[in-house]
């Protein structure tokens, strides 16, 4: 295989990988927004974490919010 062939294969591989980057960034942005929203919601519903029961309730609220958004917690 010549240098030109290797360069062409490398360039195509790079373009292939780069084509997935914008999609991943958009998915990351959606997930980040959901995480932020769900954390705020859980903190608002159960503000006092000194009580272990509230800590569990906050965790459950976060998980429920993420599931409602269709994402894993």
N, C-alpha and C. Protein backbone atom coordinates (compact mmCIF):
# COMPACT_ATOMS: atom_id res chain seq x y z
N UNK A 1 0.84 -1.16 0.00
CA UNK A 1 0.00 0.00 0.00
C UNK A 1 0.89 1.24 0.00
N UNK A 2 0.60 2.15 -0.88
CA UNK A 2 1.42 3.35 -0.99
C UNK A 2 1.06 4.40 0.04
N UNK A 3 1.91 5.42 0.09
CA UNK A 3 1.69 6.51 1.05
C UNK A 3 0.38 7.22 0.75
N UNK A 4 0.05 7.40 -0.53
CA UNK A 4 -1.20 8.07 -0.90
C UNK A 4 -2.40 7.26 -0.42
N UNK A 5 -2.35 5.96 -0.56
CA UNK A 5 -3.46 5.10 -0.13
C UNK A 5 -3.63 5.17 1.39
N UNK A 6 -2.52 5.11 2.10
CA UNK A 6 -2.59 5.19 3.57
C UNK A 6 -3.14 6.54 4.01
N UNK A 7 -2.72 7.60 3.33
CA UNK A 7 -3.21 8.93 3.67
C UNK A 7 -4.70 9.05 3.39
N UNK A 8 -5.14 8.49 2.28
CA UNK A 8 -6.56 8.54 1.93
C UNK A 8 -7.39 7.77 2.95
N UNK A 9 -6.92 6.61 3.35
CA UNK A 9 -7.64 5.81 4.35
C UNK A 9 -7.70 6.56 5.68
N UNK A 10 -6.60 7.17 6.07
CA UNK A 10 -6.56 7.92 7.32
C UNK A 10 -7.53 9.11 7.25
N UNK A 11 -7.56 9.79 6.12
CA UNK A 11 -8.45 10.94 5.96
C UNK A 11 -9.91 10.49 6.02
N UNK A 12 -10.25 9.40 5.37
CA UNK A 12 -11.62 8.89 5.41
C UNK A 12 -12.02 8.45 6.80
N UNK A 13 -11.10 7.82 7.50
CA UNK A 13 -11.38 7.39 8.87
C UNK A 13 -11.63 8.62 9.76
N UNK A 14 -10.83 9.64 9.57
CA UNK A 14 -11.01 10.87 10.34
C UNK A 14 -12.35 11.53 10.07
N UNK A 15 -12.76 11.57 8.81
CA UNK A 15 -14.05 12.15 8.46
C UNK A 15 -15.19 11.32 9.03
N UNK A 16 -15.04 10.01 8.99
CA UNK A 16 -16.06 9.12 9.54
C UNK A 16 -16.25 9.38 11.04
N UNK A 17 -15.17 9.45 11.76
CA UNK A 17 -15.23 9.69 13.21
C UNK A 17 -15.77 11.09 13.50
N UNK A 18 -15.34 12.06 12.73
CA UNK A 18 -15.79 13.44 12.95
C UNK A 18 -17.28 13.60 12.66
N UNK A 19 -17.83 12.76 11.81
CA UNK A 19 -19.25 12.88 11.49
C UNK A 19 -20.12 12.55 12.70
N UNK A 20 -19.60 11.82 13.68
CA UNK A 20 -20.37 11.49 14.87
C UNK A 20 -20.21 12.52 15.97
N UNK A 21 -19.24 13.39 15.91
CA UNK A 21 -18.98 14.35 16.98
C UNK A 21 -20.15 15.31 17.21
N UNK A 22 -20.74 15.93 16.19
CA UNK A 22 -21.85 16.84 16.45
C UNK A 22 -23.04 16.13 17.10
N UNK A 23 -23.32 14.92 16.68
CA UNK A 23 -24.43 14.17 17.25
C UNK A 23 -24.15 13.89 18.73
N UNK A 24 -22.97 13.49 19.06
CA UNK A 24 -22.62 13.21 20.45
C UNK A 24 -22.71 14.49 21.29
N UNK A 25 -22.27 15.62 20.74
CA UNK A 25 -22.33 16.88 21.47
C UNK A 25 -23.77 17.28 21.75
N UNK A 26 -24.66 17.08 20.79
CA UNK A 26 -26.06 17.42 20.99
C UNK A 26 -26.68 16.51 22.05
N UNK A 27 -26.34 15.23 22.03
CA UNK A 27 -26.85 14.31 23.03
C UNK A 27 -26.31 14.67 24.41
N UNK A 28 -25.05 15.04 24.48
CA UNK A 28 -24.45 15.44 25.75
C UNK A 28 -25.14 16.68 26.31
N UNK A 29 -25.46 17.64 25.43
CA UNK A 29 -26.12 18.87 25.86
C UNK A 29 -27.52 18.58 26.41
N UNK A 30 -28.24 17.66 25.76
CA UNK A 30 -29.58 17.29 26.24
C UNK A 30 -29.47 16.61 27.60
N UNK A 31 -28.53 15.70 27.71
CA UNK A 31 -28.35 14.99 28.99
C UNK A 31 -27.92 15.96 30.09
N UNK A 32 -26.99 16.85 29.79
CA UNK A 32 -26.53 17.83 30.79
C UNK A 32 -27.69 18.71 31.27
N UNK A 33 -28.54 19.13 30.33
CA UNK A 33 -29.70 19.96 30.70
C UNK A 33 -30.66 19.18 31.59
N UNK A 34 -30.89 17.91 31.27
CA UNK A 34 -31.78 17.09 32.08
C UNK A 34 -31.21 16.87 33.48
N UNK A 35 -29.91 16.62 33.56
CA UNK A 35 -29.26 16.42 34.86
C UNK A 35 -29.43 17.67 35.72
N UNK A 36 -29.17 18.82 35.13
CA UNK A 36 -29.29 20.08 35.86
C UNK A 36 -30.73 20.28 36.34
N UNK A 37 -31.69 20.07 35.46
CA UNK A 37 -33.10 20.23 35.80
C UNK A 37 -33.50 19.27 36.92
N UNK A 38 -33.09 18.02 36.82
CA UNK A 38 -33.49 17.02 37.80
C UNK A 38 -32.83 17.24 39.16
N UNK A 39 -31.60 17.70 39.17
CA UNK A 39 -30.94 18.02 40.44
C UNK A 39 -31.67 19.17 41.13
N UNK A 40 -31.99 20.20 40.36
CA UNK A 40 -32.70 21.34 40.96
C UNK A 40 -34.08 20.93 41.47
N UNK A 41 -34.76 20.10 40.71
CA UNK A 41 -36.08 19.62 41.13
C UNK A 41 -35.99 18.81 42.42
N UNK A 42 -35.02 17.91 42.50
CA UNK A 42 -34.85 17.08 43.70
C UNK A 42 -34.47 17.94 44.91
N UNK A 43 -33.62 18.93 44.71
CA UNK A 43 -33.21 19.80 45.81
C UNK A 43 -34.37 20.67 46.29
N UNK A 44 -35.23 21.07 45.36
CA UNK A 44 -36.38 21.89 45.72
C UNK A 44 -37.41 21.08 46.50
N UNK A 45 -37.65 19.86 46.07
CA UNK A 45 -38.62 19.01 46.75
C UNK A 45 -38.15 18.56 48.13
N UNK A 46 -36.88 18.31 48.28
CA UNK A 46 -36.32 17.78 49.52
C UNK A 46 -35.05 18.57 49.90
N UNK A 47 -35.24 19.80 50.42
CA UNK A 47 -34.08 20.67 50.66
C UNK A 47 -33.18 20.25 51.83
N UNK A 48 -33.74 19.63 52.84
CA UNK A 48 -32.96 19.30 54.03
C UNK A 48 -32.36 17.90 53.89
N UNK A 49 -31.04 17.81 53.70
CA UNK A 49 -30.40 16.51 53.54
C UNK A 49 -29.78 16.00 54.85
N UNK A 50 -30.00 16.71 55.96
CA UNK A 50 -29.46 16.23 57.23
C UNK A 50 -30.22 14.99 57.70
N UNK A 51 -31.43 14.83 57.20
CA UNK A 51 -32.24 13.66 57.53
C UNK A 51 -32.00 12.58 56.47
N UNK A 52 -31.57 11.38 56.86
CA UNK A 52 -31.31 10.32 55.88
C UNK A 52 -32.52 9.99 55.00
N UNK A 53 -33.71 10.15 55.54
CA UNK A 53 -34.91 9.89 54.76
C UNK A 53 -35.02 10.88 53.59
N UNK A 54 -34.68 12.13 53.86
CA UNK A 54 -34.72 13.13 52.79
C UNK A 54 -33.64 12.87 51.74
N UNK A 55 -32.52 12.33 52.16
CA UNK A 55 -31.48 11.98 51.19
C UNK A 55 -32.00 10.92 50.23
N UNK A 56 -32.68 9.90 50.77
CA UNK A 56 -33.26 8.86 49.91
C UNK A 56 -34.35 9.45 49.02
N UNK A 57 -35.17 10.31 49.59
CA UNK A 57 -36.24 10.94 48.80
C UNK A 57 -35.66 11.79 47.68
N UNK A 58 -34.57 12.49 47.97
CA UNK A 58 -33.93 13.32 46.94
C UNK A 58 -33.39 12.44 45.82
N UNK A 59 -32.77 11.32 46.19
CA UNK A 59 -32.25 10.39 45.20
C UNK A 59 -33.38 9.82 44.35
N UNK A 60 -34.47 9.45 45.00
CA UNK A 60 -35.62 8.91 44.26
C UNK A 60 -36.22 9.95 43.32
N UNK A 61 -36.30 11.19 43.78
CA UNK A 61 -36.85 12.26 42.94
C UNK A 61 -35.96 12.49 41.71
N UNK A 62 -34.65 12.47 41.91
CA UNK A 62 -33.71 12.64 40.80
C UNK A 62 -33.87 11.50 39.79
N UNK A 63 -33.90 10.26 40.29
CA UNK A 63 -34.03 9.11 39.41
C UNK A 63 -35.35 9.15 38.63
N UNK A 64 -36.41 9.53 39.31
CA UNK A 64 -37.72 9.61 38.68
C UNK A 64 -37.72 10.67 37.57
N UNK A 65 -37.13 11.80 37.86
CA UNK A 65 -37.06 12.88 36.87
C UNK A 65 -36.25 12.46 35.65
N UNK A 66 -35.14 11.81 35.86
CA UNK A 66 -34.31 11.35 34.73
C UNK A 66 -35.04 10.29 33.90
N UNK A 67 -35.75 9.40 34.59
CA UNK A 67 -36.52 8.37 33.87
C UNK A 67 -37.63 9.02 33.04
N UNK A 68 -38.27 10.04 33.61
CA UNK A 68 -39.32 10.74 32.88
C UNK A 68 -38.76 11.43 31.64
N UNK A 69 -37.50 11.83 31.70
CA UNK A 69 -36.84 12.46 30.55
C UNK A 69 -36.34 11.41 29.55
N UNK A 70 -36.50 10.14 29.92
CA UNK A 70 -36.05 9.06 29.03
C UNK A 70 -34.56 8.80 29.08
N UNK A 71 -33.94 9.17 30.19
CA UNK A 71 -32.49 9.00 30.33
C UNK A 71 -32.18 8.16 31.56
N UNK A 72 -31.03 7.53 31.53
CA UNK A 72 -30.57 6.79 32.69
C UNK A 72 -30.08 7.78 33.75
N UNK A 73 -30.35 7.47 35.05
CA UNK A 73 -29.91 8.39 36.11
C UNK A 73 -28.43 8.51 36.25
